[in-house]
N, C-alpha and C. Protein backbone atom coordinates (compact mmCIF):
# COMPACT_ATOMS: atom_id res chain seq x y z
N THR A 1 -5.13 53.26 58.24
CA THR A 1 -4.56 54.11 59.27
C THR A 1 -5.11 55.52 59.09
N ALA A 2 -5.54 56.11 60.15
CA ALA A 2 -6.10 57.46 60.11
C ALA A 2 -5.17 58.42 60.82
N TYR A 3 -5.33 59.69 60.54
CA TYR A 3 -4.60 60.73 61.25
C TYR A 3 -5.58 61.49 62.12
N SER A 4 -5.26 61.63 63.39
CA SER A 4 -6.08 62.44 64.28
C SER A 4 -5.42 63.79 64.42
N TYR A 5 -6.13 64.81 64.13
CA TYR A 5 -5.61 66.16 64.26
C TYR A 5 -5.99 66.70 65.62
N CYS A 6 -5.01 67.10 66.38
CA CYS A 6 -5.23 67.54 67.75
C CYS A 6 -5.16 69.05 67.78
N LYS A 7 -6.29 69.71 67.85
CA LYS A 7 -6.34 71.16 67.73
C LYS A 7 -5.69 71.89 68.90
N ALA A 8 -5.71 71.31 70.09
CA ALA A 8 -5.16 72.01 71.25
C ALA A 8 -3.67 72.28 71.11
N ARG A 9 -2.92 71.37 70.57
CA ARG A 9 -1.48 71.56 70.41
C ARG A 9 -1.06 71.54 68.94
N ARG A 10 -2.03 71.37 68.05
CA ARG A 10 -1.81 71.41 66.61
C ARG A 10 -0.75 70.43 66.13
N PHE A 11 -0.97 69.18 66.38
CA PHE A 11 -0.13 68.13 65.83
C PHE A 11 -1.01 66.93 65.56
N ALA A 12 -0.53 66.04 64.76
CA ALA A 12 -1.31 64.86 64.44
C ALA A 12 -0.50 63.62 64.77
N ILE A 13 -1.18 62.57 65.14
CA ILE A 13 -0.53 61.31 65.47
C ILE A 13 -1.24 60.21 64.72
N LYS A 14 -0.45 59.38 64.05
CA LYS A 14 -1.01 58.26 63.32
C LYS A 14 -1.52 57.24 64.32
N GLU A 15 -2.71 56.77 64.09
CA GLU A 15 -3.25 55.79 65.03
C GLU A 15 -4.15 54.80 64.31
N LYS A 16 -4.32 53.65 64.91
CA LYS A 16 -5.13 52.60 64.31
C LYS A 16 -6.61 52.79 64.60
N ASN A 17 -6.94 53.22 65.80
CA ASN A 17 -8.33 53.38 66.20
C ASN A 17 -8.52 54.73 66.87
N GLU A 18 -9.43 55.51 66.37
CA GLU A 18 -9.74 56.76 67.05
C GLU A 18 -10.65 56.46 68.22
N ARG A 19 -10.19 56.83 69.40
CA ARG A 19 -10.99 56.65 70.59
C ARG A 19 -10.97 57.95 71.39
N PRO A 20 -12.11 58.45 71.78
CA PRO A 20 -12.11 59.67 72.57
C PRO A 20 -11.42 59.44 73.91
N CYS A 21 -10.76 60.46 74.40
CA CYS A 21 -10.15 60.39 75.72
C CYS A 21 -10.40 61.73 76.42
N ASN A 22 -10.10 61.80 77.69
CA ASN A 22 -10.37 62.99 78.48
C ASN A 22 -9.24 64.01 78.44
N HIS A 23 -8.17 63.74 77.69
CA HIS A 23 -7.06 64.67 77.62
C HIS A 23 -7.44 65.89 76.79
N SER A 24 -6.76 67.01 77.03
CA SER A 24 -7.05 68.24 76.31
C SER A 24 -6.53 68.19 74.88
N LEU A 25 -5.78 67.16 74.50
CA LEU A 25 -5.19 67.12 73.18
C LEU A 25 -6.06 66.44 72.13
N GLY A 26 -7.24 66.01 72.45
CA GLY A 26 -8.13 65.49 71.44
C GLY A 26 -8.36 64.00 71.50
N LYS A 27 -8.63 63.39 70.34
CA LYS A 27 -9.03 61.99 70.27
C LYS A 27 -7.85 61.04 70.20
N ILE A 28 -6.94 61.14 71.14
CA ILE A 28 -5.85 60.19 71.22
C ILE A 28 -5.70 59.76 72.67
N SER A 29 -5.03 58.68 72.87
CA SER A 29 -4.77 58.22 74.22
C SER A 29 -3.36 57.69 74.30
N ARG A 30 -2.83 57.59 75.49
CA ARG A 30 -1.47 57.07 75.67
C ARG A 30 -1.37 55.66 75.11
N GLN A 31 -2.38 54.84 75.31
CA GLN A 31 -2.37 53.47 74.82
C GLN A 31 -2.28 53.44 73.29
N THR A 32 -3.03 54.31 72.63
CA THR A 32 -3.01 54.35 71.17
C THR A 32 -1.63 54.72 70.67
N ILE A 33 -0.99 55.71 71.29
CA ILE A 33 0.33 56.14 70.86
C ILE A 33 1.35 55.03 71.08
N LEU A 34 1.28 54.35 72.21
CA LEU A 34 2.22 53.27 72.48
C LEU A 34 2.04 52.14 71.47
N THR A 35 0.81 51.85 71.09
CA THR A 35 0.55 50.83 70.09
C THR A 35 1.15 51.24 68.75
N MET A 36 1.07 52.52 68.42
CA MET A 36 1.59 53.02 67.17
C MET A 36 3.09 52.77 67.05
N LYS A 37 3.82 52.84 68.14
CA LYS A 37 5.26 52.70 68.11
C LYS A 37 5.70 51.26 67.87
N ALA A 38 4.84 50.31 68.15
CA ALA A 38 5.12 48.89 67.91
C ALA A 38 6.40 48.43 68.60
N THR A 39 6.69 48.95 69.75
CA THR A 39 7.86 48.52 70.52
C THR A 39 7.61 48.81 71.99
N ASP A 40 8.35 48.23 72.83
CA ASP A 40 8.19 48.46 74.26
C ASP A 40 8.88 49.76 74.65
N ILE A 41 8.10 50.74 75.02
CA ILE A 41 8.63 52.07 75.32
C ILE A 41 9.60 52.06 76.49
N LYS A 42 9.46 51.09 77.39
CA LYS A 42 10.32 51.05 78.57
C LYS A 42 11.77 50.73 78.21
N GLN A 43 12.02 50.24 77.03
CA GLN A 43 13.38 49.91 76.61
C GLN A 43 14.15 51.14 76.14
N HIS A 44 13.49 52.28 76.03
CA HIS A 44 14.11 53.48 75.47
C HIS A 44 14.16 54.61 76.49
N GLU A 45 15.23 55.37 76.41
CA GLU A 45 15.32 56.58 77.23
C GLU A 45 14.27 57.57 76.74
N ILE A 46 13.62 58.23 77.65
CA ILE A 46 12.57 59.20 77.31
C ILE A 46 13.17 60.60 77.32
N VAL A 47 12.89 61.35 76.26
CA VAL A 47 13.30 62.75 76.16
C VAL A 47 12.03 63.57 76.23
N ALA A 48 11.89 64.33 77.29
CA ALA A 48 10.67 65.12 77.50
C ALA A 48 10.53 66.22 76.47
N THR A 49 9.30 66.53 76.12
CA THR A 49 9.02 67.69 75.29
C THR A 49 8.80 68.88 76.24
N PRO A 50 8.79 70.09 75.73
CA PRO A 50 8.51 71.23 76.60
C PRO A 50 7.01 71.44 76.84
N ILE A 51 6.19 70.46 76.47
CA ILE A 51 4.74 70.56 76.61
C ILE A 51 4.28 69.52 77.62
N PRO A 52 4.01 69.91 78.86
CA PRO A 52 3.67 68.95 79.91
C PRO A 52 2.50 68.03 79.57
N SER A 53 1.44 68.55 78.98
CA SER A 53 0.29 67.69 78.67
C SER A 53 0.63 66.66 77.60
N LEU A 54 1.49 67.00 76.66
CA LEU A 54 1.93 66.03 75.66
C LEU A 54 2.81 64.97 76.32
N ASN A 55 3.68 65.38 77.23
CA ASN A 55 4.52 64.41 77.96
C ASN A 55 3.65 63.43 78.74
N GLN A 56 2.58 63.91 79.32
CA GLN A 56 1.68 63.05 80.08
C GLN A 56 1.08 61.97 79.19
N ILE A 57 0.64 62.35 78.01
CA ILE A 57 0.04 61.40 77.08
C ILE A 57 1.09 60.42 76.56
N LEU A 58 2.30 60.90 76.32
CA LEU A 58 3.35 60.07 75.75
C LEU A 58 4.08 59.21 76.78
N GLY A 59 3.73 59.35 78.04
CA GLY A 59 4.40 58.57 79.07
C GLY A 59 5.71 59.20 79.50
N GLY A 60 5.83 60.50 79.38
CA GLY A 60 7.02 61.23 79.82
C GLY A 60 7.69 62.01 78.72
N GLY A 61 7.43 61.70 77.47
CA GLY A 61 8.06 62.39 76.34
C GLY A 61 8.24 61.44 75.18
N PHE A 62 9.09 61.83 74.24
CA PHE A 62 9.38 60.98 73.08
C PHE A 62 10.47 59.98 73.45
N PRO A 63 10.31 58.73 73.07
CA PRO A 63 11.37 57.74 73.32
C PRO A 63 12.54 57.98 72.37
N SER A 64 13.74 57.72 72.86
CA SER A 64 14.92 57.88 72.02
C SER A 64 15.06 56.69 71.08
N LYS A 65 15.84 56.88 70.03
CA LYS A 65 16.16 55.83 69.05
C LYS A 65 14.93 55.27 68.36
N ILE A 66 13.94 56.10 68.16
CA ILE A 66 12.73 55.72 67.44
C ILE A 66 12.39 56.83 66.46
N ILE A 67 11.94 56.45 65.29
CA ILE A 67 11.50 57.45 64.32
C ILE A 67 10.08 57.86 64.69
N ILE A 68 9.89 59.15 64.82
CA ILE A 68 8.59 59.69 65.19
C ILE A 68 8.12 60.60 64.06
N GLU A 69 6.94 60.34 63.57
CA GLU A 69 6.37 61.16 62.51
C GLU A 69 5.32 62.07 63.11
N VAL A 70 5.49 63.37 62.86
CA VAL A 70 4.49 64.35 63.25
C VAL A 70 3.88 64.86 61.95
N ALA A 71 2.58 64.68 61.79
CA ALA A 71 1.92 65.04 60.55
C ALA A 71 0.77 65.98 60.82
N GLY A 72 0.43 66.78 59.84
CA GLY A 72 -0.69 67.69 59.96
C GLY A 72 -0.74 68.61 58.77
N PRO A 73 -1.78 69.42 58.68
CA PRO A 73 -1.91 70.34 57.55
C PRO A 73 -0.84 71.43 57.61
N PRO A 74 -0.61 72.12 56.51
CA PRO A 74 0.36 73.21 56.50
C PRO A 74 0.05 74.25 57.59
N ALA A 75 1.09 74.78 58.18
CA ALA A 75 0.99 75.83 59.20
C ALA A 75 0.27 75.38 60.47
N SER A 76 0.38 74.08 60.80
CA SER A 76 -0.29 73.57 62.00
C SER A 76 0.64 73.47 63.20
N GLY A 77 1.91 73.82 63.05
CA GLY A 77 2.82 73.84 64.19
C GLY A 77 3.80 72.69 64.25
N LYS A 78 3.95 71.94 63.18
CA LYS A 78 4.87 70.80 63.19
C LYS A 78 6.32 71.25 63.38
N SER A 79 6.74 72.25 62.63
CA SER A 79 8.11 72.76 62.75
C SER A 79 8.34 73.38 64.12
N THR A 80 7.34 74.08 64.62
CA THR A 80 7.46 74.69 65.94
C THR A 80 7.63 73.61 67.01
N LEU A 81 6.84 72.55 66.94
CA LEU A 81 6.98 71.45 67.90
C LEU A 81 8.37 70.83 67.80
N ALA A 82 8.85 70.61 66.58
CA ALA A 82 10.18 70.01 66.39
C ALA A 82 11.27 70.91 66.97
N LEU A 83 11.17 72.21 66.75
CA LEU A 83 12.18 73.13 67.28
C LEU A 83 12.09 73.25 68.80
N GLN A 84 10.89 73.22 69.34
CA GLN A 84 10.76 73.23 70.80
C GLN A 84 11.41 71.99 71.40
N PHE A 85 11.21 70.86 70.75
CA PHE A 85 11.81 69.61 71.20
C PHE A 85 13.34 69.68 71.10
N ILE A 86 13.86 70.25 70.02
CA ILE A 86 15.30 70.42 69.88
C ILE A 86 15.85 71.29 70.98
N GLY A 87 15.17 72.40 71.28
CA GLY A 87 15.61 73.28 72.37
C GLY A 87 15.68 72.53 73.69
N GLN A 88 14.68 71.71 73.95
CA GLN A 88 14.65 70.90 75.18
C GLN A 88 15.80 69.90 75.19
N ALA A 89 16.03 69.24 74.08
CA ALA A 89 17.11 68.25 73.98
C ALA A 89 18.47 68.92 74.14
N GLN A 90 18.63 70.12 73.60
CA GLN A 90 19.89 70.84 73.77
C GLN A 90 20.14 71.16 75.24
N ARG A 91 19.10 71.54 75.96
CA ARG A 91 19.26 71.83 77.39
C ARG A 91 19.65 70.58 78.17
N MET A 92 19.34 69.40 77.61
CA MET A 92 19.73 68.13 78.23
C MET A 92 21.12 67.69 77.77
N GLY A 93 21.75 68.48 76.92
CA GLY A 93 23.10 68.17 76.45
C GLY A 93 23.16 67.26 75.24
N ARG A 94 22.04 67.06 74.56
CA ARG A 94 21.99 66.20 73.38
C ARG A 94 22.46 66.95 72.13
N PRO A 95 23.27 66.30 71.29
CA PRO A 95 23.57 66.90 69.98
C PRO A 95 22.33 66.84 69.10
N CYS A 96 22.11 67.89 68.32
CA CYS A 96 20.89 67.97 67.50
C CYS A 96 21.23 68.39 66.07
N TYR A 97 20.47 67.81 65.14
CA TYR A 97 20.64 68.06 63.71
C TYR A 97 19.26 68.40 63.14
N TYR A 98 19.21 69.47 62.35
CA TYR A 98 17.95 69.88 61.74
C TYR A 98 18.15 69.94 60.23
N ALA A 99 17.53 69.03 59.50
CA ALA A 99 17.58 69.01 58.04
C ALA A 99 16.36 69.76 57.52
N ASP A 100 16.60 70.92 56.95
CA ASP A 100 15.52 71.79 56.49
C ASP A 100 15.25 71.55 55.01
N ALA A 101 14.29 70.68 54.73
CA ALA A 101 13.93 70.38 53.35
C ALA A 101 12.91 71.38 52.80
N GLU A 102 12.16 72.02 53.69
CA GLU A 102 11.13 72.97 53.24
C GLU A 102 11.70 74.33 52.89
N ARG A 103 12.68 74.78 53.68
CA ARG A 103 13.31 76.09 53.48
C ARG A 103 12.25 77.19 53.39
N ALA A 104 11.28 77.15 54.29
CA ALA A 104 10.13 78.05 54.22
C ALA A 104 10.18 79.21 55.22
N ILE A 105 11.12 79.19 56.15
CA ILE A 105 11.14 80.21 57.20
C ILE A 105 12.53 80.81 57.33
N ASN A 106 12.60 81.98 57.97
CA ASN A 106 13.87 82.56 58.37
C ASN A 106 14.31 81.76 59.59
N PHE A 107 15.07 80.71 59.36
CA PHE A 107 15.31 79.69 60.37
C PHE A 107 15.96 80.23 61.63
N VAL A 108 17.07 80.93 61.51
CA VAL A 108 17.83 81.34 62.70
C VAL A 108 16.99 82.23 63.61
N GLU A 109 16.29 83.18 63.06
CA GLU A 109 15.46 84.06 63.88
C GLU A 109 14.33 83.27 64.55
N PHE A 110 13.65 82.45 63.78
CA PHE A 110 12.53 81.67 64.30
C PHE A 110 12.99 80.70 65.39
N ALA A 111 14.05 79.94 65.11
CA ALA A 111 14.55 78.94 66.06
C ALA A 111 15.06 79.60 67.34
N THR A 112 15.75 80.71 67.21
CA THR A 112 16.26 81.41 68.39
C THR A 112 15.13 81.89 69.28
N ASN A 113 14.06 82.41 68.67
CA ASN A 113 12.90 82.87 69.45
C ASN A 113 12.20 81.72 70.18
N ILE A 114 12.31 80.51 69.67
CA ILE A 114 11.70 79.34 70.30
C ILE A 114 12.57 78.81 71.43
N GLY A 115 13.85 79.13 71.42
CA GLY A 115 14.74 78.67 72.48
C GLY A 115 15.83 77.72 72.03
N VAL A 116 16.06 77.65 70.72
CA VAL A 116 17.11 76.79 70.18
C VAL A 116 18.43 77.55 70.18
N ASP A 117 19.49 76.89 70.61
CA ASP A 117 20.83 77.45 70.54
C ASP A 117 21.37 77.14 69.15
N CYS A 118 21.23 78.10 68.23
CA CYS A 118 21.60 77.85 66.83
C CYS A 118 23.10 77.65 66.65
N ALA A 119 23.90 78.19 67.56
CA ALA A 119 25.35 77.99 67.48
C ALA A 119 25.72 76.52 67.75
N ALA A 120 24.93 75.85 68.57
CA ALA A 120 25.20 74.44 68.91
C ALA A 120 24.43 73.47 68.01
N LEU A 121 23.53 73.98 67.19
CA LEU A 121 22.70 73.14 66.33
C LEU A 121 23.38 72.90 64.99
N GLU A 122 23.37 71.66 64.55
CA GLU A 122 23.84 71.35 63.20
C GLU A 122 22.63 71.56 62.27
N TYR A 123 22.69 72.64 61.49
CA TYR A 123 21.59 73.01 60.61
C TYR A 123 22.02 72.76 59.16
N ASP A 124 21.19 72.07 58.41
CA ASP A 124 21.54 71.73 57.03
C ASP A 124 20.38 72.08 56.11
N LYS A 125 20.70 72.84 55.08
CA LYS A 125 19.71 73.22 54.07
C LYS A 125 20.37 73.04 52.71
N GLN A 126 19.96 72.01 52.01
CA GLN A 126 20.56 71.67 50.71
C GLN A 126 19.52 71.78 49.61
N PRO A 127 19.96 72.08 48.39
CA PRO A 127 19.00 72.18 47.28
C PRO A 127 18.48 70.83 46.79
N TYR A 128 19.19 69.73 47.11
CA TYR A 128 18.79 68.41 46.62
C TYR A 128 18.63 67.44 47.78
N ALA A 129 17.60 66.61 47.70
CA ALA A 129 17.32 65.64 48.76
C ALA A 129 18.48 64.68 48.97
N GLU A 130 19.13 64.27 47.90
CA GLU A 130 20.24 63.32 48.03
C GLU A 130 21.35 63.89 48.90
N MET A 131 21.68 65.16 48.69
CA MET A 131 22.73 65.81 49.48
C MET A 131 22.32 65.92 50.94
N LEU A 132 21.08 66.30 51.17
CA LEU A 132 20.58 66.46 52.53
C LEU A 132 20.59 65.12 53.27
N LEU A 133 20.12 64.08 52.62
CA LEU A 133 20.08 62.77 53.26
C LEU A 133 21.48 62.21 53.49
N GLN A 134 22.41 62.43 52.57
CA GLN A 134 23.78 61.95 52.76
C GLN A 134 24.43 62.67 53.94
N ASN A 135 24.21 63.98 54.06
CA ASN A 135 24.74 64.73 55.20
C ASN A 135 24.15 64.22 56.50
N LEU A 136 22.85 63.93 56.50
CA LEU A 136 22.19 63.41 57.70
C LEU A 136 22.78 62.06 58.10
N ILE A 137 22.99 61.18 57.15
CA ILE A 137 23.55 59.86 57.44
C ILE A 137 24.97 59.99 57.99
N ASP A 138 25.78 60.83 57.37
CA ASP A 138 27.15 61.04 57.84
C ASP A 138 27.16 61.58 59.26
N TRP A 139 26.31 62.57 59.54
CA TRP A 139 26.28 63.19 60.86
C TRP A 139 25.78 62.18 61.91
N ALA A 140 24.75 61.43 61.56
CA ALA A 140 24.18 60.46 62.50
C ALA A 140 25.18 59.37 62.86
N SER A 141 26.00 58.97 61.91
CA SER A 141 26.98 57.92 62.20
C SER A 141 28.06 58.39 63.17
N LYS A 142 28.28 59.69 63.25
CA LYS A 142 29.29 60.26 64.15
C LYS A 142 28.72 60.73 65.48
N ASN A 143 27.42 60.86 65.58
CA ASN A 143 26.77 61.42 66.77
C ASN A 143 25.71 60.47 67.28
N LYS A 144 26.12 59.58 68.15
CA LYS A 144 25.19 58.61 68.72
C LYS A 144 24.31 59.28 69.76
N ASN A 145 23.11 58.74 69.93
CA ASN A 145 22.15 59.24 70.92
C ASN A 145 21.81 60.71 70.68
N ALA A 146 21.69 61.07 69.44
CA ALA A 146 21.41 62.44 69.05
C ALA A 146 19.95 62.59 68.61
N ILE A 147 19.53 63.83 68.45
CA ILE A 147 18.19 64.15 67.97
C ILE A 147 18.33 64.63 66.53
N LEU A 148 17.57 64.00 65.63
CA LEU A 148 17.59 64.40 64.23
C LEU A 148 16.17 64.75 63.80
N VAL A 149 16.05 65.87 63.12
CA VAL A 149 14.75 66.30 62.61
C VAL A 149 14.88 66.52 61.12
N VAL A 150 13.96 65.95 60.36
CA VAL A 150 13.85 66.22 58.94
C VAL A 150 12.53 66.96 58.73
N ASP A 151 12.63 68.21 58.32
CA ASP A 151 11.46 69.06 58.15
C ASP A 151 11.38 69.50 56.69
N ALA A 152 10.57 69.00 55.98
CA ALA A 152 9.56 67.97 56.13
C ALA A 152 9.87 66.87 55.15
N VAL A 153 9.60 65.65 55.53
CA VAL A 153 9.90 64.49 54.71
C VAL A 153 9.24 64.60 53.34
N GLY A 154 8.00 65.09 53.31
CA GLY A 154 7.30 65.25 52.05
C GLY A 154 8.00 66.18 51.07
N SER A 155 8.73 67.16 51.59
CA SER A 155 9.46 68.09 50.74
C SER A 155 10.66 67.44 50.05
N LEU A 156 11.14 66.34 50.58
CA LEU A 156 12.24 65.63 49.95
C LEU A 156 11.84 65.03 48.62
N LEU A 157 10.54 64.81 48.45
CA LEU A 157 10.03 64.17 47.24
C LEU A 157 9.68 65.17 46.15
N ASP A 158 9.67 66.44 46.48
CA ASP A 158 9.32 67.48 45.49
C ASP A 158 10.42 67.72 44.49
């Protein structure tokens, strides 16, 4: 499995075959992304991202009830994309949870500038991965059809 780094929007998508496409986001295609999910996207409600060209490639946005991994080098915009998506989901009335494992930014200021309603966001920053994951599981069991972000999964292992 390779990672394609998409410079136009600075995110990476895991894919089986790199194939050039005519989209401005680089060497990915809607078909490749759908294959990556290994499920029928039509069975899931679509939550649009605030990036129209990404929505076009994804078939309208991110499908609900699916784990989506956004990968890329440090400072490539992964957290920004996640927070933009949370802001969009909040405007749709979705409950949102942000597990901050990296603790690398002044979260409230940064998230507010992106358009996140921090008063309505469940934000969790714990010193230990076990505590963070337990809080996430507890919150998820009480909030169905919610958006959960773990930033960044790799930091849980440090």
